[in-house]
Amino acid sequence: MRIALISDIHGNLVSLEAVLEDIDKYRAAQIICLGDVATLGPQPHEVVARLRGLNCPGVTGNHEASLLEPEAIRSGRQSMWADTFAWCEQQLSEDDLHYLRSFQPLIDVPLDKNNRLLCFHGSPRANTDFILPTTSDDELKDMLAGHTAPVMAGGHTHVQMLRRHRDAMIVNVGSVGEPFERYPSSAAEPRILSWAEYAIVSCSSGALGIELRRVPIDFAAIKQASMVS
């Protein structure tokens, strides 16, 4: 079995299409989205419509939570993006919003009789948590909040990562739409890299595999989409 994991698309249809084309080569049994689908990028409706057409299940990211609860934007940390979120909401149809409301805090996928994949956005505890290579074991234990699975996968940081914690492999699948050069810092704006990121989790005869993928993208097409929007 192969599961493709995508996250943090942020309205970037060009990069999403590049990733989906790459996923086709793997013949994945399922694609799961780990959140932050539509906001910030130029094509929120097109991205959501594409995922809806794939019947892709999703995890609620912090951006979905804010988009679907406008009061949280005005009063919370993301108030600086209130105008951007409002524009994004205007682009989305009722079907799009209904699809985003179907996202869940966690998705638990059986890979075989002994192995499971647990999907979240930031952590099982909160979609705003950052799991980093430098996160202490004690802090990570709190973030996992008693959840266990051989593979635990999230996004949110926009930086790919593979880390072992006790019996689990912790995977950050990176970002389809805005992969960062380094982990977010309040000191400086992150530099966005020139590819799209995702991950493949595989399980065969009890053996687990995790592959972090980087896919080249067409920057000119992204720029054109931004100009049209």
Foldseek 3Di string as FASTA:
>chain_A
DKEWEAEQQAQQVQLVVLVVVVVVVVVGPAYEYAENFAFDALHRAVRLVVCVVRVHAYAYAPLLVCLVPVVCCCPHPNVVCSVRSVVRVVNHDPVSNVRSVRHHQWDWADQDPQFIEIGHAQASQDNQHHDDPPDDLVNNVVRNVPDDGQEYEYENQQEWDWDDHVNHIYTHFHHSHFRFPDGDDPVDDTDGDQWGWIWMWHADPRDIDIDIDTGGGDVVVSVVSNVVD
